[in-house]
């Protein structure tokens, strides 16, 4: 019997890493927004990207 520990595998794993250079002020704004909305910085950036996609579709 094999004991597979750890988190369960995702159906759509995120394998690509994206780096973005921002100013200290932009970084602080993103961190504050993420903290206020109980999100990670990655979640904030992906949510913003989704909003841009939705605007383009309309």
C-alpha atoms as a PDB file:
ATOM      1  CA  UNK A   1       0.000   0.000   0.000  1.00  0.00           C
ATOM      2  CA  UNK A   2       1.486   3.347  -1.062  1.00  0.00           C
ATOM      3  CA  UNK A   3       0.937   6.369   1.167  1.00  0.00           C
ATOM      4  CA  UNK A   4       0.773   9.470  -1.014  1.00  0.00           C
ATOM      5  CA  UNK A   5       1.174  12.446   1.309  1.00  0.00           C
ATOM      6  CA  UNK A   6       0.817  16.120   0.557  1.00  0.00           C
ATOM      7  CA  UNK A   7      -1.756  18.147  -1.281  1.00  0.00           C
ATOM      8  CA  UNK A   8      -4.024  16.549  -3.882  1.00  0.00           C
ATOM      9  CA  UNK A   9      -3.091  17.050  -7.523  1.00  0.00           C
ATOM     10  CA  UNK A  10      -4.840  19.899  -9.357  1.00  0.00           C
ATOM     11  CA  UNK A  11      -6.854  19.305 -12.531  1.00  0.00           C
ATOM     12  CA  UNK A  12      -5.161  22.349 -14.098  1.00  0.00           C
ATOM     13  CA  UNK A  13      -1.790  22.899 -12.402  1.00  0.00           C
ATOM     14  CA  UNK A  14      -0.115  26.287 -12.753  1.00  0.00           C
ATOM     15  CA  UNK A  15       3.326  25.551 -14.177  1.00  0.00           C
ATOM     16  CA  UNK A  16       4.427  28.931 -15.567  1.00  0.00           C
ATOM     17  CA  UNK A  17       5.992  31.635 -13.423  1.00  0.00           C
ATOM     18  CA  UNK A  18       5.607  35.283 -14.398  1.00  0.00           C
ATOM     19  CA  UNK A  19       7.772  38.067 -13.000  1.00  0.00           C
ATOM     20  CA  UNK A  20       6.725  41.704 -13.098  1.00  0.00           C
ATOM     21  CA  UNK A  21       8.830  44.696 -12.113  1.00  0.00           C
ATOM     22  CA  UNK A  22       6.910  47.392 -10.224  1.00  0.00           C
ATOM     23  CA  UNK A  23       7.833  50.506  -8.290  1.00  0.00           C
ATOM     24  CA  UNK A  24       7.922  50.450  -4.495  1.00  0.00           C
ATOM     25  CA  UNK A  25       4.663  52.434  -4.454  1.00  0.00           C
ATOM     26  CA  UNK A  26       2.922  50.023  -6.840  1.00  0.00           C
ATOM     27  CA  UNK A  27       4.107  47.072  -4.770  1.00  0.00           C
ATOM     28  CA  UNK A  28       2.781  48.654  -1.583  1.00  0.00           C
ATOM     29  CA  UNK A  29      -0.613  49.382  -3.197  1.00  0.00           C
ATOM     30  CA  UNK A  30      -0.919  45.801  -4.428  1.00  0.00           C
ATOM     31  CA  UNK A  31       0.060  44.405  -1.010  1.00  0.00           C
ATOM     32  CA  UNK A  32      -2.463  46.664   0.760  1.00  0.00           C
ATOM     33  CA  UNK A  33      -5.240  45.725  -1.674  1.00  0.00           C
ATOM     34  CA  UNK A  34      -4.457  42.023  -1.287  1.00  0.00           C
ATOM     35  CA  UNK A  35      -4.411  42.280   2.504  1.00  0.00           C
ATOM     36  CA  UNK A  36      -7.664  44.261   2.605  1.00  0.00           C
ATOM     37  CA  UNK A  37      -9.425  41.703   0.396  1.00  0.00           C
ATOM     38  CA  UNK A  38      -7.800  38.614   2.000  1.00  0.00           C
ATOM     39  CA  UNK A  39      -6.095  37.602  -1.242  1.00  0.00           C
ATOM     40  CA  UNK A  40      -2.583  36.852  -2.342  1.00  0.00           C
ATOM     41  CA  UNK A  41      -0.733  39.175  -4.707  1.00  0.00           C
ATOM     42  CA  UNK A  42      -1.057  36.490  -7.399  1.00  0.00           C
ATOM     43  CA  UNK A  43      -4.824  36.369  -6.912  1.00  0.00           C
ATOM     44  CA  UNK A  44      -5.046  40.167  -7.223  1.00  0.00           C
ATOM     45  CA  UNK A  45      -3.023  40.192 -10.447  1.00  0.00           C
ATOM     46  CA  UNK A  46      -5.021  37.318 -11.977  1.00  0.00           C
ATOM     47  CA  UNK A  47      -8.304  38.993 -10.974  1.00  0.00           C
ATOM     48  CA  UNK A  48      -7.165  42.222 -12.655  1.00  0.00           C
ATOM     49  CA  UNK A  49      -6.228  40.319 -15.805  1.00  0.00           C
ATOM     50  CA  UNK A  50      -9.659  38.660 -15.846  1.00  0.00           C
ATOM     51  CA  UNK A  51     -11.306  42.099 -15.564  1.00  0.00           C
ATOM     52  CA  UNK A  52      -9.303  43.301 -18.588  1.00  0.00           C
ATOM     53  CA  UNK A  53     -10.343  40.230 -20.576  1.00  0.00           C
ATOM     54  CA  UNK A  54     -14.001  40.892 -19.712  1.00  0.00           C
ATOM     55  CA  UNK A  55     -13.776  44.552 -20.773  1.00  0.00           C
ATOM     56  CA  UNK A  56     -12.255  43.514 -24.106  1.00  0.00           C
ATOM     57  CA  UNK A  57     -15.060  41.031 -24.761  1.00  0.00           C
ATOM     58  CA  UNK A  58     -17.809  43.650 -24.396  1.00  0.00           C
END
